PDB file of N, CA and C in Angstrom:
ATOM      1  N   MET A   1      23.813 131.072 -55.240  1.00  0.00           N
ATOM      2  CA  MET A   1      25.538 130.358 -55.632  1.00  0.00           C
ATOM      3  C   MET A   1      25.871 128.844 -55.739  1.00  0.00           C
ATOM      4  N   ILE A   2      26.682 128.813 -56.816  1.00  0.00           N
ATOM      5  CA  ILE A   2      26.700 127.574 -57.273  1.00  0.00           C
ATOM      6  C   ILE A   2      27.206 126.601 -56.659  1.00  0.00           C
ATOM      7  N   ASP A   3      27.847 125.569 -55.844  1.00  0.00           N
ATOM      8  CA  ASP A   3      28.105 124.855 -55.282  1.00  0.00           C
ATOM      9  C   ASP A   3      29.486 123.446 -56.133  1.00  0.00           C
ATOM     10  N   TRP A   4      30.238 124.350 -56.199  1.00  0.00           N
ATOM     11  CA  TRP A   4      31.327 123.761 -57.369  1.00  0.00           C
ATOM     12  C   TRP A   4      32.060 122.281 -56.647  1.00  0.00           C
ATOM     13  N   MET A   5      32.049 122.322 -55.762  1.00  0.00           N
ATOM     14  CA  MET A   5      32.611 120.796 -55.349  1.00  0.00           C
ATOM     15  C   MET A   5      31.419 120.136 -55.311  1.00  0.00           C
ATOM     16  N   ARG A   6      30.173 120.519 -54.809  1.00  0.00           N
ATOM     17  CA  ARG A   6      29.614 119.527 -54.949  1.00  0.00           C
ATOM     18  C   ARG A   6      29.230 118.520 -56.628  1.00  0.00           C
ATOM     19  N   LEU A   7      28.817 120.044 -57.387  1.00  0.00           N
ATOM     20  CA  LEU A   7      28.946 119.565 -58.766  1.00  0.00           C
ATOM     21  C   LEU A   7      30.301 118.815 -59.357  1.00  0.00           C
ATOM     22  N   GLY A   8      31.173 119.129 -58.979  1.00  0.00           N
ATOM     23  CA  GLY A   8      32.271 118.730 -59.202  1.00  0.00           C
ATOM     24  C   GLY A   8      32.170 116.417 -58.853  1.00  0.00           C
ATOM     25  N   ALA A   9      31.636 116.790 -57.622  1.00  0.00           N
ATOM     26  CA  ALA A   9      31.495 115.674 -57.481  1.00  0.00           C
ATOM     27  C   ALA A   9      30.151 114.794 -57.841  1.00  0.00           C
ATOM     28  N   ASN A  10      28.962 115.195 -58.249  1.00  0.00           N
ATOM     29  CA  ASN A  10      28.182 114.589 -58.974  1.00  0.00           C
ATOM     30  C   ASN A  10      28.962 114.558 -60.633  1.00  0.00           C
ATOM     31  N   LEU A  11      29.381 115.375 -61.255  1.00  0.00           N
ATOM     32  CA  LEU A  11      29.923 115.557 -62.391  1.00  0.00           C
ATOM     33  C   LEU A  11      30.287 113.431 -62.215  1.00  0.00           C
ATOM     34  N   SER A  12      32.045 113.527 -61.384  1.00  0.00           N
ATOM     35  CA  SER A  12      32.342 112.240 -61.368  1.00  0.00           C
ATOM     36  C   SER A  12      31.893 110.669 -61.171  1.00  0.00           C
ATOM     37  N   TRP A  13      30.759 111.285 -60.329  1.00  0.00           N
ATOM     38  CA  TRP A  13      29.837 109.760 -60.452  1.00  0.00           C
ATOM     39  C   TRP A  13      28.775 109.533 -61.616  1.00  0.00           C
ATOM     40  N   ILE A  14      28.759 110.758 -61.884  1.00  0.00           N
ATOM     41  CA  ILE A  14      28.064 110.339 -63.158  1.00  0.00           C
ATOM     42  C   ILE A  14      28.804 109.880 -64.758  1.00  0.00           C
ATOM     43  N   LEU A  15      29.993 110.343 -64.742  1.00  0.00           N
ATOM     44  CA  LEU A  15      31.099 110.469 -65.694  1.00  0.00           C
ATOM     45  C   LEU A  15      31.305 108.983 -65.474  1.00  0.00           C
ATOM     46  N   GLY A  16      31.669 107.989 -64.459  1.00  0.00           N
ATOM     47  CA  GLY A  16      31.738 106.981 -64.192  1.00  0.00           C
ATOM     48  C   GLY A  16      30.988 106.024 -64.368  1.00  0.00           C
ATOM     49  N   ILE A  17      29.472 106.021 -64.624  1.00  0.00           N
ATOM     50  CA  ILE A  17      28.485 105.292 -64.838  1.00  0.00           C
ATOM     51  C   ILE A  17      28.064 105.863 -66.394  1.00  0.00           C
ATOM     52  N   SER A  18      28.669 105.942 -66.809  1.00  0.00           N
ATOM     53  CA  SER A  18      28.297 106.622 -68.311  1.00  0.00           C
ATOM     54  C   SER A  18      29.770 105.942 -69.216  1.00  0.00           C
ATOM     55  N   LEU A  19      30.699 105.451 -68.230  1.00  0.00           N
ATOM     56  CA  LEU A  19      31.928 105.424 -68.727  1.00  0.00           C
ATOM     57  C   LEU A  19      31.594 103.609 -68.683  1.00  0.00           C
ATOM     58  N   SER A  20      30.931 103.314 -67.897  1.00  0.00           N
ATOM     59  CA  SER A  20      30.782 101.971 -67.447  1.00  0.00           C
ATOM     60  C   SER A  20      29.909 101.400 -68.336  1.00  0.00           C
ATOM     61  N   LEU A  21      28.875 102.437 -68.784  1.00  0.00           N
ATOM     62  CA  LEU A  21      28.028 101.828 -69.711  1.00  0.00           C
ATOM     63  C   LEU A  21      28.594 101.584 -70.761  1.00  0.00           C
ATOM     64  N   ALA A  22      29.329 102.496 -70.844  1.00  0.00           N
ATOM     65  CA  ALA A  22      29.315 102.616 -72.528  1.00  0.00           C
ATOM     66  C   ALA A  22      30.272 101.237 -72.653  1.00  0.00           C
ATOM     67  N   ALA A  23      31.392 101.223 -71.559  1.00  0.00           N
ATOM     68  CA  ALA A  23      32.239 100.201 -71.978  1.00  0.00           C
ATOM     69  C   ALA A  23      31.609  98.800 -72.014  1.00  0.00           C
ATOM     70  N   ILE A  24      30.833  98.287 -71.269  1.00  0.00           N
ATOM     71  CA  ILE A  24      29.900  97.211 -71.380  1.00  0.00           C
ATOM     72  C   ILE A  24      28.980  96.676 -72.822  1.00  0.00           C
ATOM     73  N   SER A  25      28.444  97.696 -73.540  1.00  0.00           N
ATOM     74  CA  SER A  25      28.046  98.407 -74.709  1.00  0.00           C
ATOM     75  C   SER A  25      29.135  97.773 -76.020  1.00  0.00           C
ATOM     76  N   ILE A  26      30.093  98.171 -75.723  1.00  0.00           N
ATOM     77  CA  ILE A  26      31.432  98.501 -77.217  1.00  0.00           C
ATOM     78  C   ILE A  26      31.352  97.520 -76.749  1.00  0.00           C
ATOM     79  N   ALA A  27      31.933  95.985 -75.967  1.00  0.00           N
ATOM     80  CA  ALA A  27      32.298  94.846 -75.180  1.00  0.00           C
ATOM     81  C   ALA A  27      30.662  94.171 -75.966  1.00  0.00           C
ATOM     82  N   SER A  28      29.926  94.299 -75.604  1.00  0.00           N
ATOM     83  CA  SER A  28      28.676  93.349 -75.805  1.00  0.00           C
ATOM     84  C   SER A  28      28.638  93.396 -77.537  1.00  0.00           C
ATOM     85  N   TRP A  29      28.777  94.608 -77.870  1.00  0.00           N
ATOM     86  CA  TRP A  29      28.695  94.272 -79.444  1.00  0.00           C
ATOM     87  C   TRP A  29      30.128  94.212 -80.448  1.00  0.00           C
ATOM     88  N   GLU A  30      31.280  93.967 -79.574  1.00  0.00           N
ATOM     89  CA  GLU A  30      32.190  93.453 -79.897  1.00  0.00           C
ATOM     90  C   GLU A  30      32.380  92.017 -80.181  1.00  0.00           C
ATOM     91  N   ALA A  31      31.816  91.820 -79.014  1.00  0.00           N
ATOM     92  CA  ALA A  31      31.642  90.144 -78.896  1.00  0.00           C
ATOM     93  C   ALA A  31      30.249  89.762 -79.878  1.00  0.00           C
ATOM     94  N   GLU A  32      29.284  90.608 -80.302  1.00  0.00           N
ATOM     95  CA  GLU A  32      28.432  89.822 -81.036  1.00  0.00           C
ATOM     96  C   GLU A  32      28.745  90.267 -82.879  1.00  0.00           C
ATOM     97  N   LEU A  33      29.779  91.137 -82.740  1.00  0.00           N
ATOM     98  CA  LEU A  33      30.459  91.054 -83.944  1.00  0.00           C
ATOM     99  C   LEU A  33      31.285  90.140 -84.160  1.00  0.00           C
ATOM    100  N   LEU A  34      32.605  89.837 -83.380  1.00  0.00           N
ATOM    101  CA  LEU A  34      33.439  88.738 -83.498  1.00  0.00           C
ATOM    102  C   LEU A  34      32.964  86.793 -83.098  1.00  0.00           C
ATOM    103  N   HIS A  35      31.594  86.741 -82.445  1.00  0.00           N
ATOM    104  CA  HIS A  35      30.706  85.898 -82.410  1.00  0.00           C
ATOM    105  C   HIS A  35      31.693  85.147 -81.400  1.00  0.00           C
ATOM    106  N   GLN A  36      31.733  85.997 -80.022  1.00  0.00           N
ATOM    107  CA  GLN A  36      32.799  85.183 -78.955  1.00  0.00           C
ATOM    108  C   GLN A  36      31.438  86.270 -77.700  1.00  0.00           C
ATOM    109  N   GLY A  37      31.913  85.073 -76.653  1.00  0.00           N
ATOM    110  CA  GLY A  37      31.131  85.566 -75.040  1.00  0.00           C
ATOM    111  C   GLY A  37      31.353  87.024 -74.668  1.00  0.00           C
ATOM    112  N   THR A  38      30.208  87.393 -74.440  1.00  0.00           N
ATOM    113  CA  THR A  38      30.365  88.821 -73.500  1.00  0.00           C
ATOM    114  C   THR A  38      31.568  88.895 -72.263  1.00  0.00           C
ATOM    115  N   ALA A  39      31.318  88.111 -71.691  1.00  0.00           N
ATOM    116  CA  ALA A  39      32.200  87.897 -70.632  1.00  0.00           C
ATOM    117  C   ALA A  39      34.023  88.125 -71.231  1.00  0.00           C
ATOM    118  N   GLU A  40      33.736  86.872 -72.532  1.00  0.00           N
ATOM    119  CA  GLU A  40      35.337  87.536 -72.869  1.00  0.00           C
ATOM    120  C   GLU A  40      35.863  88.467 -72.974  1.00  0.00           C
ATOM    121  N   ARG A  41      35.093  89.597 -73.467  1.00  0.00           N
ATOM    122  CA  ARG A  41      34.794  90.771 -73.990  1.00  0.00           C
ATOM    123  C   ARG A  41      35.632  91.365 -72.842  1.00  0.00           C
ATOM    124  N   LEU A  42      34.414  91.284 -71.827  1.00  0.00           N
ATOM    125  CA  LEU A  42      35.155  91.921 -70.552  1.00  0.00           C
ATOM    126  C   LEU A  42      35.579  91.990 -69.873  1.00  0.00           C
ATOM    127  N   ARG A  43      37.052  90.556 -70.513  1.00  0.00           N
ATOM    128  CA  ARG A  43      38.061  90.480 -69.643  1.00  0.00           C
ATOM    129  C   ARG A  43      39.183  90.877 -70.489  1.00  0.00           C
ATOM    130  N   LYS A  44      39.328  91.756 -71.819  1.00  0.00           N
ATOM    131  CA  LYS A  44      39.973  92.071 -72.503  1.00  0.00           C
ATOM    132  C   LYS A  44      40.857  93.537 -71.513  1.00  0.00           C
ATOM    133  N   ARG A  45      41.801  93.534 -71.600  1.00  0.00           N
ATOM    134  CA  ARG A  45      42.741  94.733 -71.144  1.00  0.00           C
ATOM    135  C   ARG A  45      42.331  96.328 -71.130  1.00  0.00           C
ATOM    136  N   GLY A  46      41.835  95.948 -72.418  1.00  0.00           N
ATOM    137  CA  GLY A  46      41.009  97.468 -72.364  1.00  0.00           C
ATOM    138  C   GLY A  46      39.766  98.101 -72.122  1.00  0.00           C
ATOM    139  N   THR A  47      39.118  96.847 -71.466  1.00  0.00           N
ATOM    140  CA  THR A  47      37.972  96.924 -71.457  1.00  0.00           C
ATOM    141  C   THR A  47      38.011  96.503 -69.481  1.00  0.00           C
ATOM    142  N   ARG A  48      38.684  96.214 -69.129  1.00  0.00           N
ATOM    143  CA  ARG A  48      38.870  96.405 -67.721  1.00  0.00           C
ATOM    144  C   ARG A  48      39.118  97.310 -66.959  1.00  0.00           C
ATOM    145  N   PHE A  49      40.306  97.925 -67.909  1.00  0.00           N
ATOM    146  CA  PHE A  49      40.878  99.203 -67.419  1.00  0.00           C
ATOM    147  C   PHE A  49      39.320 100.299 -67.689  1.00  0.00           C
ATOM    148  N   SER A  50      38.965 100.220 -68.893  1.00  0.00           N
ATOM    149  CA  SER A  50      37.828 101.226 -68.482  1.00  0.00           C
ATOM    150  C   SER A  50      36.497 100.838 -67.516  1.00  0.00           C
ATOM    151  N   LEU A  51      36.324  99.309 -67.324  1.00  0.00           N
ATOM    152  CA  LEU A  51      35.533  99.460 -65.961  1.00  0.00           C
ATOM    153  C   LEU A  51      36.240  99.815 -64.558  1.00  0.00           C
ATOM    154  N   ASN A  52      37.541  99.544 -64.691  1.00  0.00           N
ATOM    155  CA  ASN A  52      38.163  99.854 -63.181  1.00  0.00           C
ATOM    156  C   ASN A  52      38.340 101.724 -62.988  1.00  0.00           C
ATOM    157  N   LEU A  53      38.510 101.986 -64.349  1.00  0.00           N
ATOM    158  CA  LEU A  53      38.357 103.252 -64.226  1.00  0.00           C
ATOM    159  C   LEU A  53      37.102 104.348 -64.265  1.00  0.00           C
ATOM    160  N   ALA A  54      35.842 103.789 -64.395  1.00  0.00           N
ATOM    161  CA  ALA A  54      34.796 104.087 -64.721  1.00  0.00           C
ATOM    162  C   ALA A  54      34.535 103.788 -62.414  1.00  0.00           C
ATOM    163  N   ALA A  55      35.062 102.864 -62.579  1.00  0.00           N
ATOM    164  CA  ALA A  55      34.813 102.296 -60.625  1.00  0.00           C
ATOM    165  C   ALA A  55      35.299 104.160 -59.931  1.00  0.00           C
ATOM    166  N   VAL A  56      36.356 103.862 -60.766  1.00  0.00           N
ATOM    167  CA  VAL A  56      37.547 105.060 -59.676  1.00  0.00           C
ATOM    168  C   VAL A  56      37.450 106.916 -59.408  1.00  0.00           C
ATOM    169  N   LEU A  57      36.126 106.754 -60.812  1.00  0.00           N
ATOM    170  CA  LEU A  57      35.389 107.676 -61.038  1.00  0.00           C
ATOM    171  C   LEU A  57      33.768 108.281 -59.947  1.00  0.00           C
ATOM    172  N   PHE A  58      33.283 106.983 -60.184  1.00  0.00           N
ATOM    173  CA  PHE A  58      32.154 106.419 -59.293  1.00  0.00           C
ATOM    174  C   PHE A  58      32.509 106.699 -57.865  1.00  0.00           C
ATOM    175  N   CYS A  59      33.657 106.038 -57.322  1.00  0.00           N
ATOM    176  CA  CYS A  59      34.061 105.969 -56.109  1.00  0.00           C
ATOM    177  C   CYS A  59      34.372 107.663 -55.322  1.00  0.00           C
ATOM    178  N   LEU A  60      35.044 108.081 -56.333  1.00  0.00           N
ATOM    179  CA  LEU A  60      35.044 109.724 -55.991  1.00  0.00           C
ATOM    180  C   LEU A  60      34.472 110.252 -56.063  1.00  0.00           C
ATOM    181  N   GLY A  61      33.202 110.093 -56.398  1.00  0.00           N
ATOM    182  CA  GLY A  61      32.600 111.285 -56.848  1.00  0.00           C
ATOM    183  C   GLY A  61      31.385 110.716 -55.212  1.00  0.00           C
ATOM    184  N   LEU A  62      31.033 110.124 -54.951  1.00  0.00           N
ATOM    185  CA  LEU A  62      30.552 109.405 -53.992  1.00  0.00           C
ATOM    186  C   LEU A  62      31.382 109.786 -52.770  1.00  0.00           C
ATOM    187  N   ALA A  63      32.643 110.004 -52.618  1.00  0.00           N
ATOM    188  CA  ALA A  63      33.151 109.992 -51.611  1.00  0.00           C
ATOM    189  C   ALA A  63      33.012 112.039 -51.614  1.00  0.00           C
ATOM    190  N   GLY A  64      33.041 112.578 -52.699  1.00  0.00           N
ATOM    191  CA  GLY A  64      32.899 114.115 -52.365  1.00  0.00           C
ATOM    192  C   GLY A  64      31.593 113.990 -51.740  1.00  0.00           C
ATOM    193  N   LEU A  65      30.799 113.601 -51.676  1.00  0.00           N
ATOM    194  CA  LEU A  65      29.008 113.669 -51.459  1.00  0.00           C
ATOM    195  C   LEU A  65      28.895 113.260 -50.182  1.00  0.00           C
ATOM    196  N   SER A  66      29.605 112.549 -49.380  1.00  0.00           N
ATOM    197  CA  SER A  66      29.422 111.639 -48.288  1.00  0.00           C
ATOM    198  C   SER A  66      29.546 113.443 -47.146  1.00  0.00           C
ATOM    199  N   THR A  67      28.014 112.862 -46.555  1.00  0.00           N
ATOM    200  CA  THR A  67      28.321 113.754 -45.485  1.00  0.00           C
ATOM    201  C   THR A  67      29.000 113.464 -43.825  1.00  0.00           C
ATOM    202  N   GLU A  68      29.150 111.909 -44.032  1.00  0.00           N
ATOM    203  CA  GLU A  68      29.833 111.670 -42.667  1.00  0.00           C
ATOM    204  C   GLU A  68      31.520 111.190 -43.480  1.00  0.00           C
ATOM    205  N   ILE A  69      32.343 110.626 -42.340  1.00  0.00           N
ATOM    206  CA  ILE A  69      33.586 110.728 -42.342  1.00  0.00           C
ATOM    207  C   ILE A  69      33.995 109.421 -42.501  1.00  0.00           C
ATOM    208  N   TRP A  70      33.177 108.424 -41.511  1.00  0.00           N
ATOM    209  CA  TRP A  70      33.618 107.519 -42.123  1.00  0.00           C
ATOM    210  C   TRP A  70      33.091 106.188 -43.212  1.00  0.00           C
ATOM    211  N   THR A  71      31.794 107.230 -43.965  1.00  0.00           N
ATOM    212  CA  THR A  71      31.321 106.625 -45.016  1.00  0.00           C
ATOM    213  C   THR A  71      32.588 107.187 -46.140  1.00  0.00           C
ATOM    214  N   MET A  72      32.734 108.135 -45.651  1.00  0.00           N
ATOM    215  CA  MET A  72      34.092 109.332 -46.751  1.00  0.00           C
ATOM    216  C   MET A  72      35.223 108.098 -47.379  1.00  0.00           C
ATOM    217  N   VAL A  73      35.716 107.658 -45.948  1.00  0.00           N
ATOM    218  CA  VAL A  73      36.737 107.041 -45.539  1.00  0.00           C
ATOM    219  C   VAL A  73      36.357 105.237 -46.190  1.00  0.00           C
ATOM    220  N   ILE A  74      35.716 105.285 -46.480  1.00  0.00           N
ATOM    221  CA  ILE A  74      35.137 103.707 -47.075  1.00  0.00           C
ATOM    222  C   ILE A  74      35.053 103.906 -48.476  1.00  0.00           C
ATOM    223  N   TRP A  75      35.002 104.748 -48.986  1.00  0.00           N
ATOM    224  CA  TRP A  75      34.344 105.325 -50.278  1.00  0.00           C
ATOM    225  C   TRP A  75      35.666 105.546 -50.982  1.00  0.00           C
ATOM    226  N   LEU A  76      36.874 105.664 -50.469  1.00  0.00           N
ATOM    227  CA  LEU A  76      38.312 106.557 -50.186  1.00  0.00           C
ATOM    228  C   LEU A  76      38.585 105.195 -50.855  1.00  0.00           C
ATOM    229  N   VAL A  77      38.891 104.234 -49.955  1.00  0.00           N
ATOM    230  CA  VAL A  77      39.525 103.075 -49.717  1.00  0.00           C
ATOM    231  C   VAL A  77      39.176 102.249 -51.051  1.00  0.00           C
ATOM    232  N   LEU A  78      37.357 102.149 -51.564  1.00  0.00           N
ATOM    233  CA  LEU A  78      37.300 101.349 -52.154  1.00  0.00           C
ATOM    234  C   LEU A  78      37.674 101.977 -53.639  1.00  0.00           C
ATOM    235  N   ASP A  79      37.852 103.306 -53.953  1.00  0.00           N
ATOM    236  CA  ASP A  79      38.963 104.206 -54.860  1.00  0.00           C
ATOM    237  C   ASP A  79      40.318 103.548 -54.934  1.00  0.00           C
ATOM    238  N   LEU A  80      40.897 103.191 -54.041  1.00  0.00           N
ATOM    239  CA  LEU A  80      42.190 103.029 -53.658  1.00  0.00           C
ATOM    240  C   LEU A  80      41.903 102.195 -54.859  1.00  0.00           C
ATOM    241  N   TRP A  81      41.613 100.945 -53.921  1.00  0.00           N
ATOM    242  CA  TRP A  81      41.262  99.199 -54.552  1.00  0.00           C
ATOM    243  C   TRP A  81      41.097  99.632 -55.888  1.00  0.00           C
ATOM    244  N   PHE A  82      40.363 100.231 -56.471  1.00  0.00           N
ATOM    245  CA  PHE A  82      40.471 100.278 -58.088  1.00  0.00           C
ATOM    246  C   PHE A  82      41.441 100.691 -58.649  1.00  0.00           C
ATOM    247  N   ILE A  83      41.960 101.848 -57.771  1.00  0.00           N
ATOM    248  CA  ILE A  83      43.226 102.412 -58.642  1.00  0.00           C
ATOM    249  C   ILE A  83      43.936 101.051 -59.159  1.00  0.00           C
ATOM    250  N   ILE A  84      44.475 100.957 -57.542  1.00  0.00           N
ATOM    251  CA  ILE A  84      45.391  99.371 -57.919  1.00  0.00           C
ATOM    252  C   ILE A  84      44.931  98.734 -58.780  1.00  0.00           C
ATOM    253  N   GLN A  85      43.644  98.079 -59.116  1.00  0.00           N
ATOM    254  CA  GLN A  85      43.034  97.042 -60.469  1.00  0.00           C
ATOM    255  C   GLN A  85      43.496  98.221 -61.651  1.00  0.00           C
ATOM    256  N   SER A  86      43.319  99.085 -61.563  1.00  0.00           N
ATOM    257  CA  SER A  86      43.807 100.093 -63.196  1.00  0.00           C
ATOM    258  C   SER A  86      45.015  99.711 -63.309  1.00  0.00           C
ATOM    259  N   ILE A  87      45.845  99.779 -62.214  1.00  0.00           N
ATOM    260  CA  ILE A  87      47.436  99.714 -62.781  1.00  0.00           C
ATOM    261  C   ILE A  87      47.593  98.431 -63.487  1.00  0.00           C
ATOM    262  N   TYR A  88      46.606  97.310 -62.169  1.00  0.00           N
ATOM    263  CA  TYR A  88      47.105  95.853 -62.451  1.00  0.00           C
ATOM    264  C   TYR A  88      46.541  95.148 -64.208  1.00  0.00           C
ATOM    265  N   ALA A  89      45.586  96.382 -64.726  1.00  0.00           N
ATOM    266  CA  ALA A  89      45.036  96.124 -65.789  1.00  0.00           C
ATOM    267  C   ALA A  89      45.767  96.784 -66.951  1.00  0.00           C
ATOM    268  N   LEU A  90      46.644  97.569 -66.905  1.00  0.00           N
ATOM    269  CA  LEU A  90      47.654  98.239 -67.593  1.00  0.00           C
ATOM    270  C   LEU A  90      48.733  96.979 -68.303  1.00  0.00           C
ATOM    271  N   ARG A  91      48.575  96.580 -66.953  1.00  0.00           N
ATOM    272  CA  ARG A  91      49.941  95.303 -67.377  1.00  0.00           C
ATOM    273  C   ARG A  91      49.911  93.906 -68.013  1.00  0.00           C
TER     274      ARG A  91
END
């Protein structure tokens, strides 16, 4: 039988990693195209939001995979931090 909760948690952290790699890759490509530094492109609002969303998905996935309560709490606190950062990235 498929454990749907673990499948969803694994899907979440894998999507988070994929999104972060895509955001960094696009920022690097845009930096090269516009003759800017990659760090400058990573500071853009859309890129920061994408990276924060990736971190939210990653932390949520690892919280779902945690077997001990204290590790789950740490991942959820980190998740909350990145949610707040995502909100600030949109402003």
